[in-house]
Amino acid sequence: MQLHDPQHPTIPSHSPESESHGKFPDQISRAEHDTVSTTFSPDTGRRTKRGVVIAAAVLVTFFLAITVIRYFHARGVANEGEAAYSAPPPVDVVTAKPASVGQDLVLPGETAAWYEATIYARVNGYVAKWMVDIGDHVTKGQVLATIETPEVDAELQAAKAQLKASQAQVSAREAEAQFSKTTNERWRDSPKGVVSEQERESKKADYQSAEARLYAANAQVALDKSKVDQYSALSEFKSVKAPFDGTVTERKIDVGNLVTAGSGSTTTPLYRMAQTDPLRVFVDVPQSASGELMNAGVPAEIRATGAVGGAFHGKIVRSAESLNPQARTMRVEVDMPNAKHELVPGMYVDVAFQLPPRGLVEVPAAALIFRSSGTQVAHVDEQGKIAFNDVVIARDNGSLVELASGVKPGDRLVLNISSQIASGQVVAVNEAAASKLPLGAKR
C-alpha cells in the first residue's frame, strides 16, 4: 500500500479502463488541469475574524458618538427650558388715560307724525264727491269730500219752520200780556167801592198768567232756535275738512258710499292723515345714559338708510323722566324739521347722541378680567410685579371701557393676561409691543 502525501501527490496508474479511453488522452489531461482546488490557506480564517472585529468596533464607536451627541443635546434643551421657566413671563401693557372725549351713543329709534288723525263722518248720508287722494298735501280747513245728507236737510227745514211758528206765538203772547197788564192797572187803580176786590184779584191773576205764557213762548223759541243751530251745524259736516296741515295717508271712500256718523268698530273711516313737519322720533335710552339724556335741548343726529339715506339734525324736547321697569329704559322724544318730507312716519332710524365726558379713566376692553368675584384689571408696578385690582365699569363703549374706580390715569395695565400669572408674580413688560398697540386694540 502506498501512503498519500499531500506535498507529493501520487500519479495514478493506468487501469485497463483507462486504456479503453486512450483515444481521448488530451481532453482528460486538460480537465484535470482545469479543476479548482478545494483546499484553503490557513491565513484565510484569521483575516475574516480580523475584519469582523474591525466592523464591530466601528459600529460601537458610531453608536457611542450618537449617544453622546444626543445626551448633550437633551442636556442643552433641558437647560434652555429651565432657564425659560425660571425667567419672568413676557406681557404687553397699556397705560390708562383719562376719557377726554364724550361717547357717541347710537340707539335705534322710530319716526312718528307730529299729528295723526283718522277722519270719520259726522253725519249720515252718502258720498257725493271726494277731492283729495293719498299723498296729497292739504291745508287746515281744506275740503276733502262732500256728503249728501237728505235727512239732515229735512230736519233743518222742519226746525226752521217750527222756529217761525214759535216766534209767531211769542208775538201773540206779547199782545195778551200787554192787554192783561193795562187791564190789571185800571182795576188796581180804581177807587174802592167801584169794583169788587174779587174782580181786582182776578184781573191781577190774568196778567200774571199772560206773563207766564209769554215766558213759555220765548222759551219755546229758544228751544226751536237751538234745534235750527244743531241741524245747521250738522249741515256744515256735509263738507269733510282737514283738521290740520298735513298729508293724506289713506282714503277709504268713493262716490256713492253710504257713510254713518260716529267712530265705532262698525264705522268705516273716510281718511287718515298725518302732519310730518316737524317729525317726532321716539328713542328708548338705556339706564346707563338716562342721566345725560333726560333734559331737553340735547342735540341728536338722525341717521336713515335706504333711498332716503342721510343725516338729519334734531334735539330732545321731552322725556318720560322714568324708567320702564321691564326694559330699564327711558323713553325720550326727539323733534326734527322735515320740510322736504324726506322721512315719513313709521321708519326705523339710528339716533346718535354725543354724551359729555364724565372725567373717568378709559382703558381697552382687553385689559379687563371677568371673574366670578367681579371685574378686575392686572396692574404692573415699577418692579414688574402683578397686582389685581377690582374695578367698576361706568360706560362700555365696545373696544374702550370707562372705569369709575380701581384705576388711575397713568397706571400700567396688562392686556390679555394669562390665567397662569398670579398676584405678586414678576413679569417682563414688553414695552416695545405695548407702544405699538393703539388704545383699545386686542392682540
Foldseek 3Di string as FASTA:
>chain_A
DDDADPVDGDDDDDDPVNVVVVVPPPVVVVVVVPDDDPDDDPCPVVVVVVVVVVVVVVVVVVVVVVVVVVVVVVVVVVVVVVVVVPAFAEFAKAFWAWPQFFAWDKFKKFWAFPDKDFAAFAAWFFWAFADDFFFDWDFFFDFGTFGDHPPLVVQLVVLVVQLVVLVVQLVVLVVQLVVLVVVLVVLVPDDPPPDDPVVNVVSVVSNVVSVVSNVVSVVSNVVSVVSNVVSVVSNVSSGPTDRGTWGWHHADHDGGGTAHRDDDPPGDTGTMTGHVFWMKMKGWAAQLCCVQQQDWDFKKWKADDDPLGDIFIWIWDHWPPDADVVRRTTITMTIGGCVVVSDDGGGMIMMIGGGGRPRFIKAFPQQWDQDPVAIWGWWQDPQQFTDIWHWAFSDPNDRMTTTPDGDDGGTMTTGNDDPPDDGGGHHHYPHVVNVPDDGSDHD
